[in-house]
Protein backbone atom coordinates (compact mmCIF):
# COMPACT_ATOMS: atom_id res chain seq x y z
CA MET A 1 0.00 0.00 0.00
CA LYS A 2 1.10 3.56 -0.79
CA ILE A 3 -0.21 6.93 0.34
CA ILE A 4 0.08 10.20 -1.55
CA PHE A 5 -0.67 13.54 0.08
CA GLY A 6 -1.51 16.67 -1.89
CA LEU A 7 -0.93 19.82 0.12
CA GLY A 8 -3.15 22.88 -0.03
CA ASN A 9 -5.69 24.91 1.89
CA PRO A 10 -9.35 23.91 2.20
CA GLY A 11 -12.14 26.26 1.23
CA LYS A 12 -13.52 27.87 -1.93
CA LYS A 13 -11.40 31.01 -1.67
CA TYR A 14 -8.19 28.95 -2.06
CA VAL A 15 -9.30 26.55 -4.81
CA ASN A 16 -7.33 28.11 -7.67
CA ASN A 17 -4.38 29.42 -5.64
CA ARG A 18 -0.81 28.53 -6.57
CA HIS A 19 -0.43 27.11 -3.04
CA ASN A 20 -3.14 24.54 -3.84
CA VAL A 21 -1.42 22.85 -6.76
CA GLY A 22 -0.92 19.74 -4.58
CA PHE A 23 -4.70 19.48 -4.18
CA MET A 24 -5.16 20.03 -7.93
CA VAL A 25 -2.80 17.21 -8.87
CA LEU A 26 -4.47 14.69 -6.54
CA GLU A 27 -7.97 15.73 -7.59
CA GLU A 28 -7.01 15.13 -11.23
CA LEU A 29 -5.49 11.74 -10.36
CA ALA A 30 -8.68 10.77 -8.49
CA LEU A 31 -10.72 11.62 -11.59
CA LYS A 32 -8.38 9.55 -13.76
CA CYS A 33 -8.64 6.62 -11.32
CA ASP A 34 -12.42 7.05 -10.99
CA CYS A 35 -12.41 7.42 -7.21
CA GLN A 36 -13.95 10.05 -4.97
CA PHE A 37 -12.73 11.88 -1.90
CA ARG A 38 -14.64 11.52 1.34
CA ARG A 39 -14.06 13.49 4.49
CA ARG A 40 -12.47 11.48 7.30
CA LEU A 41 -12.61 13.50 10.51
CA LYS A 42 -10.30 11.15 12.40
CA LEU A 43 -7.62 11.64 9.72
CA SER A 44 -8.09 15.43 9.24
CA SER A 45 -8.20 14.68 5.51
CA TYR A 46 -10.31 13.97 2.51
CA ILE A 47 -9.46 10.39 1.49
CA ALA A 48 -9.88 8.50 -1.78
CA GLU A 49 -8.75 4.91 -2.28
CA THR A 50 -7.84 3.30 -5.57
CA VAL A 51 -5.60 0.67 -7.13
CA ILE A 52 -2.72 1.57 -9.44
CA GLY A 53 -1.16 -1.42 -11.15
CA GLU A 54 -1.54 -3.98 -8.40
CA GLU A 55 -0.91 -1.56 -5.54
CA LYS A 56 -3.61 -0.17 -3.26
CA VAL A 57 -3.15 3.61 -3.09
CA VAL A 58 -4.62 6.12 -0.67
CA LEU A 59 -4.92 9.71 -1.89
CA ALA A 60 -5.13 12.25 0.94
CA LEU A 61 -5.95 15.96 0.96
CA PRO A 62 -5.30 17.34 4.46
CA TYR A 63 -7.86 19.94 5.52
CA THR A 64 -5.73 21.20 8.40
CA PHE A 65 -4.52 24.18 6.33
CA MET A 66 -1.06 24.13 4.84
CA ASN A 67 0.97 25.11 7.89
CA MET A 68 -0.41 22.22 9.94
CA SER A 69 -0.21 19.48 7.30
CA GLY A 70 1.89 17.31 9.61
CA ILE A 71 -1.16 16.63 11.81
CA ALA A 72 -2.99 14.92 8.94
CA VAL A 73 0.09 13.17 7.56
CA SER A 74 1.02 11.62 10.90
CA ALA A 75 -2.62 10.61 11.59
CA CYS A 76 -2.95 8.91 8.20
CA LEU A 77 0.39 7.10 8.43
CA LYS A 78 -0.59 5.75 11.85
CA TYR A 79 -4.12 4.76 10.78
CA TYR A 80 -2.94 2.89 7.69
CA SER A 81 0.15 1.49 9.47
CA LEU A 82 2.46 2.89 6.79
CA GLY A 83 6.04 4.08 7.05
CA LEU A 84 7.58 7.04 5.25
CA LYS A 85 8.98 4.76 2.53
CA ASP A 86 5.38 4.25 1.32
CA CYS A 87 4.52 7.94 1.39
CA LEU A 88 4.85 10.81 -1.10
CA ILE A 89 3.99 14.50 -0.63
CA VAL A 90 2.95 16.78 -3.54
CA TYR A 91 3.33 20.52 -3.01
CA ASP A 92 4.10 23.86 -4.65
CA ASP A 93 7.62 25.28 -4.82
CA VAL A 94 8.48 28.92 -5.54
CA ASP A 95 12.14 28.02 -6.08
CA LEU A 96 11.27 26.10 -9.26
CA ASP A 97 10.18 27.80 -12.47
CA PHE A 98 6.51 27.42 -13.31
CA ALA A 99 5.62 23.93 -14.61
CA VAL A 100 8.92 22.28 -13.60
CA LEU A 101 8.52 19.01 -11.68
CA ARG A 102 11.10 17.72 -9.18
CA PHE A 103 10.87 14.40 -7.40
CA ARG A 104 13.14 13.97 -4.38
CA GLU A 105 13.73 11.16 -1.95
CA ASN A 106 14.44 13.42 1.02
CA GLY A 107 15.47 16.90 2.01
CA SER A 108 14.78 19.84 4.27
CA TRP A 109 11.58 21.86 4.30
CA GLY A 110 13.19 24.51 2.09
CA GLY A 111 11.02 27.35 3.42
CA HIS A 112 7.73 25.51 2.76
CA ARG A 113 5.64 25.60 5.93
CA GLY A 114 3.61 22.52 5.00
CA MET A 115 6.77 20.44 4.68
CA GLU A 116 8.15 21.99 7.86
CA SER A 117 5.07 20.75 9.73
CA ILE A 118 5.37 17.25 8.21
CA ILE A 119 9.08 16.95 9.00
CA GLU A 120 8.45 18.16 12.54
CA ARG A 121 5.61 15.67 13.12
CA THR A 122 7.33 12.66 11.52
CA GLN A 123 10.77 13.55 12.92
CA SER A 124 12.31 12.72 9.55
CA LYS A 125 13.54 14.43 6.38
CA SER A 126 13.47 11.09 4.52
CA ILE A 127 10.13 11.72 2.85
CA SER A 128 9.64 11.31 -0.89
CA ARG A 129 8.12 14.37 -2.48
CA LEU A 130 7.05 15.91 -5.74
CA ARG A 131 7.77 19.62 -5.87
CA VAL A 132 5.66 21.43 -8.47
CA GLY A 133 7.19 24.67 -9.71
CA ILE A 134 5.03 27.77 -9.40
CA GLY A 135 7.82 30.31 -9.97
CA ARG A 136 8.45 33.52 -8.08
CA PRO A 137 6.50 36.78 -8.14
CA LEU A 138 7.28 39.05 -11.09
CA LEU A 139 7.23 42.09 -8.81
CA LYS A 140 10.24 42.06 -6.48
CA ASP A 141 8.30 43.75 -3.66
CA GLU A 142 5.30 41.40 -3.73
CA PRO A 143 5.18 39.45 -0.46
CA LEU A 144 5.71 35.73 -1.04
CA ALA A 145 2.66 34.85 1.07
CA ASP A 146 0.45 37.02 -1.16
CA TYR A 147 1.92 35.44 -4.26
CA VAL A 148 1.38 31.80 -3.25
CA LEU A 149 -2.17 32.59 -2.10
CA SER A 150 -3.01 34.24 -5.43
CA ASP A 151 -4.54 32.48 -8.41
CA PHE A 152 -2.50 31.38 -11.41
CA SER A 153 -2.16 34.01 -14.13
CA LYS A 154 -4.05 33.71 -17.43
CA THR A 155 -0.86 32.55 -19.18
CA GLU A 156 -0.15 29.97 -16.46
CA ARG A 157 -3.75 28.70 -16.55
CA SER A 158 -3.31 27.86 -20.23
CA GLU A 159 -0.44 25.50 -19.27
CA LEU A 160 -1.84 24.31 -15.94
CA LYS A 161 -3.84 21.35 -17.26
CA ASP A 162 -0.75 19.89 -18.94
CA LEU A 163 1.31 20.44 -15.78
CA ILE A 164 -1.27 18.70 -13.59
CA GLN A 165 -1.54 15.78 -16.02
CA ARG A 166 2.26 15.35 -16.17
CA ALA A 167 2.41 15.42 -12.38
CA GLY A 168 -0.38 12.81 -12.20
CA CYS A 169 1.50 10.54 -14.63
CA GLY A 170 4.56 10.97 -12.41
CA LEU A 171 2.58 9.83 -9.39
CA VAL A 172 1.36 6.73 -11.21
CA ASP A 173 4.96 5.97 -12.19
CA TRP A 174 6.10 6.55 -8.58
CA VAL A 175 3.60 3.93 -7.38
CA LYS A 176 4.64 1.43 -10.06
CA GLU A 177 8.39 2.09 -10.31
CA GLY A 178 9.55 4.01 -7.22
CA THR A 179 11.29 7.27 -6.43
CA HIS A 180 14.58 6.64 -8.26
CA TYR A 181 12.74 5.92 -11.49
CA VAL A 182 10.63 9.08 -11.39
CA MET A 183 13.65 11.19 -10.43
CA SER A 184 15.45 10.12 -13.58
CA ALA A 185 12.34 10.16 -15.80
CA TYR A 186 10.80 13.49 -14.76
CA ASN A 187 13.44 15.72 -13.19
CA ALA A 188 15.27 16.32 -16.47
CA LEU A 189 12.10 17.23 -18.38
CA ARG A 190 11.40 20.85 -19.17
CA PRO A 191 7.84 22.01 -19.89
């Protein structure tokens, strides 16, 4: 069994925000796998279950808000009796150009509060992740928090569907082939 978390913020006002690209990727994958999310109070997440290849896969969207994602991640790992080797986190990254995908096997939180919360709760940096590039603000004086909580631009929206589909394919490949495979297959690709 594998579990994939998409990070974001719950609520209609955040739906199209750059910070919610993790939610967007998992929602698209759930559509592709023909499964639906259901709220699980005990897990502080919306959960969908599916099978990819021959592997049972849990898709989880924490509704704890981004900065407290670790609460949901640790609750889900405990409930499903899974270790970090069977877990992958999908989240936005301002340090990557828009539409660039980067799989990693481990690493620090890199300024991302959601990952900081997860690392703090799990007491480990050895967490596979898919970082989805959202780029940096064009205006140097725009606060980063305002930027990540803003919606994608019109130009970005025209490329967003392709980005989300590529990320979803990467998640399927991660389930079937593992982190090393997707690192070599996706990290070198440019949009």
